[in-house]
């Protein structure tokens, strides 16, 4: 019974490390891109079932290296003028983060142009 409990504790610890790493990654990437492109909105998200529509979009897919698991985690990165986004999945920073001129209502975010 102790071995099962130990196994569960190890799995929980690994999952927490992964979520912490993903949270730091999404928040750091958004902060960097918002600083680099202050006239643009930015969103980074994991779940590809999420719905995004934007104007003047630059899109990239990036893979975050999860060193401690010998895995990667994929994220979509959108830098754009205006648009809408509907999140599918968990709303934690491990799954998405955004910055710019926006209005959020639950899992839906509307982004507006940033005037200079």
C-alpha atoms as a PDB file:
ATOM      1  CA  UNK A   1       0.000   0.000   0.000  1.00  0.00           C
ATOM      2  CA  UNK A   2       2.885   2.392   0.758  1.00  0.00           C
ATOM      3  CA  UNK A   3       4.332   1.791  -2.712  1.00  0.00           C
ATOM      4  CA  UNK A   4       1.031   2.848  -4.317  1.00  0.00           C
ATOM      5  CA  UNK A   5       0.875   5.984  -2.168  1.00  0.00           C
ATOM      6  CA  UNK A   6       4.504   6.776  -3.021  1.00  0.00           C
ATOM      7  CA  UNK A   7       3.775   6.307  -6.731  1.00  0.00           C
ATOM      8  CA  UNK A   8       0.786   8.637  -6.564  1.00  0.00           C
ATOM      9  CA  UNK A   9       2.836  11.264  -4.688  1.00  0.00           C
ATOM     10  CA  UNK A  10       5.616  11.099  -7.295  1.00  0.00           C
ATOM     11  CA  UNK A  11       3.116  11.426 -10.166  1.00  0.00           C
ATOM     12  CA  UNK A  12       1.462  14.408  -8.443  1.00  0.00           C
ATOM     13  CA  UNK A  13       4.853  16.056  -7.922  1.00  0.00           C
ATOM     14  CA  UNK A  14       5.799  15.628 -11.594  1.00  0.00           C
ATOM     15  CA  UNK A  15       2.445  17.030 -12.737  1.00  0.00           C
ATOM     16  CA  UNK A  16       2.862  20.067 -10.466  1.00  0.00           C
ATOM     17  CA  UNK A  17       6.384  20.681 -11.831  1.00  0.00           C
ATOM     18  CA  UNK A  18       5.011  20.462 -15.358  1.00  0.00           C
ATOM     19  CA  UNK A  19       2.148  22.879 -14.661  1.00  0.00           C
ATOM     20  CA  UNK A  20       4.501  25.321 -12.929  1.00  0.00           C
ATOM     21  CA  UNK A  21       6.911  25.190 -15.877  1.00  0.00           C
ATOM     22  CA  UNK A  22       4.097  25.724 -18.410  1.00  0.00           C
ATOM     23  CA  UNK A  23       2.703  28.637 -16.375  1.00  0.00           C
ATOM     24  CA  UNK A  24       6.103  30.327 -16.267  1.00  0.00           C
ATOM     25  CA  UNK A  25       6.567  29.709 -19.992  1.00  0.00           C
ATOM     26  CA  UNK A  26       3.231  31.170 -21.144  1.00  0.00           C
ATOM     27  CA  UNK A  27       3.458  34.195 -18.848  1.00  0.00           C
ATOM     28  CA  UNK A  28       7.092  34.871 -19.756  1.00  0.00           C
ATOM     29  CA  UNK A  29       6.507  34.524 -23.488  1.00  0.00           C
ATOM     30  CA  UNK A  30       3.487  36.852 -23.443  1.00  0.00           C
ATOM     31  CA  UNK A  31       5.377  39.438 -21.348  1.00  0.00           C
ATOM     32  CA  UNK A  32       8.323  39.307 -23.764  1.00  0.00           C
ATOM     33  CA  UNK A  33       6.165  39.660 -26.887  1.00  0.00           C
ATOM     34  CA  UNK A  34       3.988  42.459 -25.446  1.00  0.00           C
ATOM     35  CA  UNK A  35       7.170  44.335 -24.542  1.00  0.00           C
ATOM     36  CA  UNK A  36       8.673  43.694 -27.980  1.00  0.00           C
ATOM     37  CA  UNK A  37       5.465  44.589 -29.904  1.00  0.00           C
ATOM     38  CA  UNK A  38       3.588  47.134 -27.742  1.00  0.00           C
ATOM     39  CA  UNK A  39       1.106  47.993 -30.521  1.00  0.00           C
ATOM     40  CA  UNK A  40      -0.042  44.367 -30.852  1.00  0.00           C
ATOM     41  CA  UNK A  41      -2.184  41.924 -28.907  1.00  0.00           C
ATOM     42  CA  UNK A  42      -0.659  38.555 -28.001  1.00  0.00           C
ATOM     43  CA  UNK A  43      -2.104  35.185 -27.039  1.00  0.00           C
ATOM     44  CA  UNK A  44      -0.325  31.916 -26.292  1.00  0.00           C
ATOM     45  CA  UNK A  45      -2.411  28.768 -25.867  1.00  0.00           C
ATOM     46  CA  UNK A  46      -2.057  25.010 -25.782  1.00  0.00           C
ATOM     47  CA  UNK A  47      -5.412  23.514 -26.731  1.00  0.00           C
ATOM     48  CA  UNK A  48      -5.696  23.499 -30.520  1.00  0.00           C
ATOM     49  CA  UNK A  49      -9.465  23.029 -30.259  1.00  0.00           C
ATOM     50  CA  UNK A  50      -9.660  26.630 -29.035  1.00  0.00           C
ATOM     51  CA  UNK A  51     -11.075  29.070 -31.589  1.00  0.00           C
ATOM     52  CA  UNK A  52      -9.075  32.120 -32.722  1.00  0.00           C
ATOM     53  CA  UNK A  53      -9.861  34.717 -35.363  1.00  0.00           C
ATOM     54  CA  UNK A  54      -7.724  37.806 -35.833  1.00  0.00           C
ATOM     55  CA  UNK A  55      -6.719  40.715 -38.063  1.00  0.00           C
ATOM     56  CA  UNK A  56      -3.119  41.122 -39.293  1.00  0.00           C
ATOM     57  CA  UNK A  57      -2.026  37.917 -37.555  1.00  0.00           C
ATOM     58  CA  UNK A  58       1.462  36.509 -37.238  1.00  0.00           C
ATOM     59  CA  UNK A  59       1.201  32.882 -36.082  1.00  0.00           C
ATOM     60  CA  UNK A  60       3.865  30.519 -34.830  1.00  0.00           C
ATOM     61  CA  UNK A  61       3.796  27.088 -33.251  1.00  0.00           C
ATOM     62  CA  UNK A  62       6.434  26.657 -30.532  1.00  0.00           C
ATOM     63  CA  UNK A  63       7.478  23.638 -28.514  1.00  0.00           C
ATOM     64  CA  UNK A  64       8.393  24.148 -24.880  1.00  0.00           C
ATOM     65  CA  UNK A  65      11.099  21.771 -23.674  1.00  0.00           C
ATOM     66  CA  UNK A  66      10.076  19.932 -20.505  1.00  0.00           C
ATOM     67  CA  UNK A  67      13.608  18.928 -19.521  1.00  0.00           C
ATOM     68  CA  UNK A  68      12.658  16.856 -16.513  1.00  0.00           C
ATOM     69  CA  UNK A  69      10.308  14.671 -18.572  1.00  0.00           C
ATOM     70  CA  UNK A  70      12.241  14.446 -21.864  1.00  0.00           C
ATOM     71  CA  UNK A  71       9.106  15.764 -23.562  1.00  0.00           C
ATOM     72  CA  UNK A  72       7.892  18.935 -25.198  1.00  0.00           C
ATOM     73  CA  UNK A  73       4.594  20.797 -24.938  1.00  0.00           C
ATOM     74  CA  UNK A  74       3.220  22.616 -27.982  1.00  0.00           C
ATOM     75  CA  UNK A  75       1.761  26.114 -27.920  1.00  0.00           C
ATOM     76  CA  UNK A  76       0.178  28.328 -30.537  1.00  0.00           C
ATOM     77  CA  UNK A  77       1.418  31.927 -30.519  1.00  0.00           C
ATOM     78  CA  UNK A  78      -0.634  34.666 -32.160  1.00  0.00           C
ATOM     79  CA  UNK A  79       0.496  38.312 -32.456  1.00  0.00           C
ATOM     80  CA  UNK A  80      -2.214  40.497 -34.019  1.00  0.00           C
ATOM     81  CA  UNK A  81      -4.135  43.780 -34.176  1.00  0.00           C
ATOM     82  CA  UNK A  82      -7.633  42.669 -33.101  1.00  0.00           C
ATOM     83  CA  UNK A  83      -9.704  39.517 -32.888  1.00  0.00           C
ATOM     84  CA  UNK A  84     -11.584  36.999 -30.799  1.00  0.00           C
ATOM     85  CA  UNK A  85     -10.613  33.872 -28.905  1.00  0.00           C
ATOM     86  CA  UNK A  86     -12.643  31.121 -27.265  1.00  0.00           C
ATOM     87  CA  UNK A  87     -10.748  28.799 -24.933  1.00  0.00           C
ATOM     88  CA  UNK A  88     -11.365  25.069 -24.896  1.00  0.00           C
ATOM     89  CA  UNK A  89     -10.091  23.384 -21.767  1.00  0.00           C
ATOM     90  CA  UNK A  90      -8.701  24.504 -18.426  1.00  0.00           C
ATOM     91  CA  UNK A  91      -8.387  28.248 -17.879  1.00  0.00           C
ATOM     92  CA  UNK A  92      -5.108  28.104 -15.956  1.00  0.00           C
ATOM     93  CA  UNK A  93      -1.920  29.836 -17.130  1.00  0.00           C
ATOM     94  CA  UNK A  94      -0.468  26.421 -17.970  1.00  0.00           C
ATOM     95  CA  UNK A  95      -2.880  26.352 -20.928  1.00  0.00           C
ATOM     96  CA  UNK A  96      -3.119  29.978 -22.033  1.00  0.00           C
ATOM     97  CA  UNK A  97      -2.020  33.535 -21.386  1.00  0.00           C
ATOM     98  CA  UNK A  98      -2.717  36.779 -23.230  1.00  0.00           C
ATOM     99  CA  UNK A  99      -1.862  40.458 -23.193  1.00  0.00           C
ATOM    100  CA  UNK A 100      -2.926  43.636 -24.923  1.00  0.00           C
ATOM    101  CA  UNK A 101      -6.216  45.505 -25.176  1.00  0.00           C
ATOM    102  CA  UNK A 102      -8.916  42.979 -24.365  1.00  0.00           C
ATOM    103  CA  UNK A 103     -12.208  42.247 -22.661  1.00  0.00           C
ATOM    104  CA  UNK A 104     -12.655  38.777 -21.158  1.00  0.00           C
ATOM    105  CA  UNK A 105     -15.975  37.111 -20.404  1.00  0.00           C
ATOM    106  CA  UNK A 106     -15.308  33.610 -19.083  1.00  0.00           C
ATOM    107  CA  UNK A 107     -13.606  31.569 -21.806  1.00  0.00           C
ATOM    108  CA  UNK A 108     -14.238  34.251 -24.461  1.00  0.00           C
ATOM    109  CA  UNK A 109     -11.867  37.146 -25.086  1.00  0.00           C
ATOM    110  CA  UNK A 110     -12.331  40.022 -27.504  1.00  0.00           C
ATOM    111  CA  UNK A 111      -9.200  41.925 -28.488  1.00  0.00           C
ATOM    112  CA  UNK A 112      -9.280  45.529 -29.687  1.00  0.00           C
ATOM    113  CA  UNK A 113      -6.693  47.561 -31.619  1.00  0.00           C
ATOM    114  CA  UNK A 114      -4.088  49.244 -29.459  1.00  0.00           C
ATOM    115  CA  UNK A 115      -3.931  52.929 -30.276  1.00  0.00           C
ATOM    116  CA  UNK A 116      -0.529  54.558 -30.196  1.00  0.00           C
END
